[in-house]
Amino acid sequence: MTGRSATIIAFFLDAAAWALASIMLFLSGSDQATKGLDVAAGLVVTVLFFVTGVPALILALIGRSPRTALSLALAFPAACSLLFVATVIAFA
């Protein structure tokens, strides 16, 4: 498997995770007191996806910097995991 194909596969997995997280956060049925936190988290996940995932796909499609593209594609799940852990620690 080449770096380009690994990046494209990682991008589509990132896109699926982003879509699932966005749907769950933006359309959550939580009460009005925490709805703003859900929307803010959805915005953070969306911005993170567009800052890491989309440039990774673009780099992979044009064939430039395969290691950088793969690093960007893997940065999205790593950053989401870190944000989740930080949120759990903050609200625990």
N, C-alpha and C. Protein backbone atom coordinates (compact mmCIF):
# COMPACT_ATOMS: atom_id res chain seq x y z
N MET A 1 0.85 -1.17 0.00
CA MET A 1 0.00 0.00 0.00
C MET A 1 0.90 1.24 0.00
N THR A 2 0.61 2.14 -0.88
CA THR A 2 1.42 3.35 -0.96
C THR A 2 0.91 4.41 0.02
N GLY A 3 1.71 5.43 0.22
CA GLY A 3 1.31 6.51 1.10
C GLY A 3 0.08 7.23 0.59
N ARG A 4 -0.02 7.33 -0.72
CA ARG A 4 -1.17 8.01 -1.32
C ARG A 4 -2.47 7.26 -1.04
N SER A 5 -2.46 5.94 -1.24
CA SER A 5 -3.69 5.18 -1.00
C SER A 5 -4.01 5.11 0.48
N ALA A 6 -3.00 5.04 1.34
CA ALA A 6 -3.24 5.05 2.78
C ALA A 6 -3.85 6.37 3.22
N THR A 7 -3.39 7.46 2.63
CA THR A 7 -3.94 8.77 2.96
C THR A 7 -5.39 8.88 2.51
N ILE A 8 -5.69 8.38 1.34
CA ILE A 8 -7.07 8.46 0.84
C ILE A 8 -8.00 7.60 1.69
N ILE A 9 -7.55 6.42 2.08
CA ILE A 9 -8.36 5.57 2.96
C ILE A 9 -8.56 6.25 4.32
N ALA A 10 -7.48 6.81 4.87
CA ALA A 10 -7.59 7.51 6.16
C ALA A 10 -8.52 8.71 6.04
N PHE A 11 -8.48 9.41 4.90
CA PHE A 11 -9.37 10.56 4.72
C PHE A 11 -10.83 10.12 4.75
N PHE A 12 -11.16 9.04 4.05
CA PHE A 12 -12.56 8.60 4.03
C PHE A 12 -13.01 8.09 5.39
N LEU A 13 -12.12 7.49 6.15
CA LEU A 13 -12.47 7.11 7.52
C LEU A 13 -12.66 8.36 8.38
N ASP A 14 -11.80 9.38 8.18
CA ASP A 14 -11.97 10.65 8.88
C ASP A 14 -13.29 11.31 8.52
N ALA A 15 -13.64 11.28 7.23
CA ALA A 15 -14.88 11.89 6.78
C ALA A 15 -16.09 11.20 7.40
N ALA A 16 -16.04 9.87 7.50
CA ALA A 16 -17.14 9.14 8.13
C ALA A 16 -17.25 9.50 9.61
N ALA A 17 -16.10 9.57 10.28
CA ALA A 17 -16.12 9.94 11.71
C ALA A 17 -16.60 11.36 11.90
N TRP A 18 -16.17 12.27 11.01
CA TRP A 18 -16.61 13.66 11.09
C TRP A 18 -18.12 13.76 10.88
N ALA A 19 -18.63 13.06 9.89
CA ALA A 19 -20.07 13.12 9.61
C ALA A 19 -20.87 12.58 10.79
N LEU A 20 -20.44 11.47 11.35
CA LEU A 20 -21.14 10.89 12.49
C LEU A 20 -21.10 11.83 13.70
N ALA A 21 -19.92 12.37 13.99
CA ALA A 21 -19.79 13.28 15.14
C ALA A 21 -20.59 14.55 14.92
N SER A 22 -20.56 15.08 13.72
CA SER A 22 -21.30 16.32 13.45
C SER A 22 -22.80 16.11 13.57
N ILE A 23 -23.28 15.03 13.03
CA ILE A 23 -24.72 14.74 13.13
C ILE A 23 -25.12 14.58 14.58
N MET A 24 -24.32 13.84 15.33
CA MET A 24 -24.65 13.61 16.74
C MET A 24 -24.58 14.90 17.56
N LEU A 25 -23.63 15.77 17.26
CA LEU A 25 -23.48 16.99 18.05
C LEU A 25 -24.47 18.07 17.65
N PHE A 26 -24.65 18.28 16.35
CA PHE A 26 -25.56 19.34 15.91
C PHE A 26 -27.03 18.98 16.09
N LEU A 27 -27.36 17.73 16.01
CA LEU A 27 -28.75 17.30 16.13
C LEU A 27 -29.03 16.59 17.45
N SER A 28 -28.23 16.86 18.46
CA SER A 28 -28.42 16.19 19.74
C SER A 28 -29.72 16.65 20.40
N GLY A 29 -30.28 15.76 21.14
CA GLY A 29 -31.54 16.07 21.81
C GLY A 29 -31.33 16.52 23.24
N SER A 30 -30.20 17.12 23.52
CA SER A 30 -29.93 17.53 24.89
C SER A 30 -30.75 18.76 25.26
N ASP A 31 -30.78 19.05 26.53
CA ASP A 31 -31.58 20.20 26.98
C ASP A 31 -30.91 21.52 26.56
N GLN A 32 -31.62 22.59 26.74
CA GLN A 32 -31.15 23.90 26.27
C GLN A 32 -29.91 24.38 27.01
N ALA A 33 -29.69 23.91 28.22
CA ALA A 33 -28.54 24.35 29.00
C ALA A 33 -27.22 23.85 28.41
N THR A 34 -27.24 22.67 27.81
CA THR A 34 -26.01 22.12 27.26
C THR A 34 -25.99 22.09 25.74
N LYS A 35 -27.02 22.58 25.10
CA LYS A 35 -27.09 22.59 23.64
C LYS A 35 -25.97 23.43 23.04
N GLY A 36 -25.63 24.53 23.68
CA GLY A 36 -24.55 25.38 23.19
C GLY A 36 -23.20 24.69 23.22
N LEU A 37 -22.98 23.85 24.23
CA LEU A 37 -21.73 23.09 24.28
C LEU A 37 -21.67 22.06 23.16
N ASP A 38 -22.79 21.45 22.85
CA ASP A 38 -22.82 20.48 21.76
C ASP A 38 -22.54 21.16 20.42
N VAL A 39 -23.13 22.31 20.20
CA VAL A 39 -22.91 23.04 18.96
C VAL A 39 -21.45 23.50 18.86
N ALA A 40 -20.90 23.98 19.97
CA ALA A 40 -19.49 24.40 19.97
C ALA A 40 -18.57 23.23 19.68
N ALA A 41 -18.85 22.08 20.26
CA ALA A 41 -18.03 20.90 19.99
C ALA A 41 -18.17 20.47 18.53
N GLY A 42 -19.36 20.59 17.97
CA GLY A 42 -19.56 20.28 16.56
C GLY A 42 -18.77 21.21 15.65
N LEU A 43 -18.73 22.48 16.02
CA LEU A 43 -17.94 23.44 15.24
C LEU A 43 -16.45 23.15 15.33
N VAL A 44 -15.99 22.78 16.52
CA VAL A 44 -14.57 22.45 16.69
C VAL A 44 -14.20 21.23 15.85
N VAL A 45 -15.03 20.21 15.87
CA VAL A 45 -14.76 19.01 15.09
C VAL A 45 -14.78 19.32 13.60
N THR A 46 -15.71 20.16 13.17
CA THR A 46 -15.79 20.52 11.76
C THR A 46 -14.58 21.32 11.31
N VAL A 47 -14.17 22.30 12.10
CA VAL A 47 -12.99 23.09 11.75
C VAL A 47 -11.75 22.20 11.74
N LEU A 48 -11.64 21.32 12.71
CA LEU A 48 -10.49 20.42 12.77
C LEU A 48 -10.44 19.51 11.55
N PHE A 49 -11.59 19.03 11.11
CA PHE A 49 -11.63 18.19 9.92
C PHE A 49 -11.18 18.97 8.68
N PHE A 50 -11.68 20.19 8.53
CA PHE A 50 -11.33 20.96 7.35
C PHE A 50 -9.90 21.49 7.38
N VAL A 51 -9.29 21.56 8.55
CA VAL A 51 -7.90 22.01 8.65
C VAL A 51 -6.94 20.84 8.44
N THR A 52 -7.34 19.62 8.78
CA THR A 52 -6.44 18.48 8.65
C THR A 52 -6.83 17.54 7.51
N GLY A 53 -8.06 17.16 7.43
CA GLY A 53 -8.48 16.15 6.46
C GLY A 53 -8.51 16.62 5.02
N VAL A 54 -9.06 17.78 4.78
CA VAL A 54 -9.18 18.27 3.41
C VAL A 54 -7.81 18.56 2.79
N PRO A 55 -6.89 19.24 3.50
CA PRO A 55 -5.56 19.40 2.90
C PRO A 55 -4.84 18.07 2.66
N ALA A 56 -5.08 17.09 3.51
CA ALA A 56 -4.47 15.77 3.30
C ALA A 56 -4.97 15.16 2.00
N LEU A 57 -6.26 15.25 1.75
CA LEU A 57 -6.81 14.72 0.51
C LEU A 57 -6.26 15.47 -0.70
N ILE A 58 -6.20 16.77 -0.60
CA ILE A 58 -5.68 17.56 -1.73
C ILE A 58 -4.23 17.19 -2.02
N LEU A 59 -3.41 17.09 -0.98
CA LEU A 59 -2.01 16.71 -1.18
C LEU A 59 -1.91 15.30 -1.78
N ALA A 60 -2.74 14.39 -1.34
CA ALA A 60 -2.70 13.02 -1.87
C ALA A 60 -3.14 12.97 -3.32
N LEU A 61 -4.15 13.75 -3.66
CA LEU A 61 -4.66 13.71 -5.03
C LEU A 61 -3.69 14.33 -6.03
N ILE A 62 -2.97 15.36 -5.62
CA ILE A 62 -2.01 15.96 -6.55
C ILE A 62 -0.65 15.29 -6.48
N GLY A 63 -0.48 14.35 -5.55
CA GLY A 63 0.73 13.57 -5.47
C GLY A 63 1.92 14.27 -4.84
N ARG A 64 1.69 15.25 -4.02
CA ARG A 64 2.79 15.96 -3.37
C ARG A 64 2.82 15.62 -1.89
N SER A 65 4.01 15.52 -1.35
CA SER A 65 4.25 15.31 0.08
C SER A 65 3.40 14.19 0.68
N PRO A 66 3.66 12.95 0.29
CA PRO A 66 2.82 11.87 0.81
C PRO A 66 2.92 11.68 2.32
N ARG A 67 4.10 11.92 2.89
CA ARG A 67 4.21 11.77 4.35
C ARG A 67 3.45 12.86 5.09
N THR A 68 3.52 14.07 4.57
CA THR A 68 2.77 15.17 5.18
C THR A 68 1.27 14.92 5.07
N ALA A 69 0.85 14.44 3.91
CA ALA A 69 -0.58 14.15 3.70
C ALA A 69 -1.05 13.08 4.67
N LEU A 70 -0.27 12.04 4.83
CA LEU A 70 -0.66 10.97 5.75
C LEU A 70 -0.66 11.48 7.19
N SER A 71 0.30 12.31 7.53
CA SER A 71 0.34 12.89 8.88
C SER A 71 -0.89 13.74 9.14
N LEU A 72 -1.28 14.54 8.17
CA LEU A 72 -2.49 15.35 8.33
C LEU A 72 -3.73 14.49 8.45
N ALA A 73 -3.81 13.43 7.67
CA ALA A 73 -4.97 12.55 7.73
C ALA A 73 -5.06 11.84 9.08
N LEU A 74 -3.92 11.52 9.67
CA LEU A 74 -3.92 10.86 10.97
C LEU A 74 -4.03 11.84 12.12
N ALA A 75 -3.82 13.12 11.85
CA ALA A 75 -3.91 14.14 12.90
C ALA A 75 -5.35 14.34 13.36
N PHE A 76 -6.32 14.16 12.47
CA PHE A 76 -7.71 14.37 12.84
C PHE A 76 -8.17 13.42 13.94
N PRO A 77 -7.99 12.09 13.80
CA PRO A 77 -8.44 11.23 14.90
C PRO A 77 -7.61 11.42 16.17
N ALA A 78 -6.34 11.73 16.02
CA ALA A 78 -5.50 11.95 17.20
C ALA A 78 -5.96 13.19 17.96
N ALA A 79 -6.24 14.27 17.23
CA ALA A 79 -6.69 15.50 17.87
C ALA A 79 -8.08 15.33 18.49
N CYS A 80 -8.96 14.61 17.83
CA CYS A 80 -10.29 14.36 18.40
C CYS A 80 -10.18 13.54 19.68
N SER A 81 -9.29 12.58 19.68
CA SER A 81 -9.09 11.78 20.90
C SER A 81 -8.56 12.62 22.04
N LEU A 82 -7.60 13.48 21.73
CA LEU A 82 -7.05 14.37 22.76
C LEU A 82 -8.10 15.35 23.27
N LEU A 83 -8.92 15.88 22.38
CA LEU A 83 -9.99 16.79 22.81
C LEU A 83 -11.01 16.07 23.68
N PHE A 84 -11.32 14.83 23.34
CA PHE A 84 -12.25 14.06 24.14
C PHE A 84 -11.71 13.82 25.55
N VAL A 85 -10.44 13.42 25.62
CA VAL A 85 -9.82 13.18 26.93
C VAL A 85 -9.78 14.48 27.74
N ALA A 86 -9.44 15.60 27.10
CA ALA A 86 -9.40 16.88 27.80
C ALA A 86 -10.78 17.27 28.31
N THR A 87 -11.82 17.00 27.53
CA THR A 87 -13.17 17.32 27.95
C THR A 87 -13.60 16.45 29.13
N VAL A 88 -13.27 15.18 29.08
CA VAL A 88 -13.61 14.29 30.19
C VAL A 88 -12.90 14.73 31.46
N ILE A 89 -11.64 15.10 31.34
CA ILE A 89 -10.88 15.56 32.52
C ILE A 89 -11.46 16.87 33.06
N ALA A 90 -11.84 17.77 32.15
CA ALA A 90 -12.36 19.07 32.57
C ALA A 90 -13.70 18.95 33.28
N PHE A 91 -14.54 18.03 32.86
CA PHE A 91 -15.87 17.92 33.43
C PHE A 91 -15.99 16.79 34.46
N ALA A 92 -14.90 16.16 34.80
CA ALA A 92 -14.95 15.08 35.79
C ALA A 92 -14.78 15.61 37.19
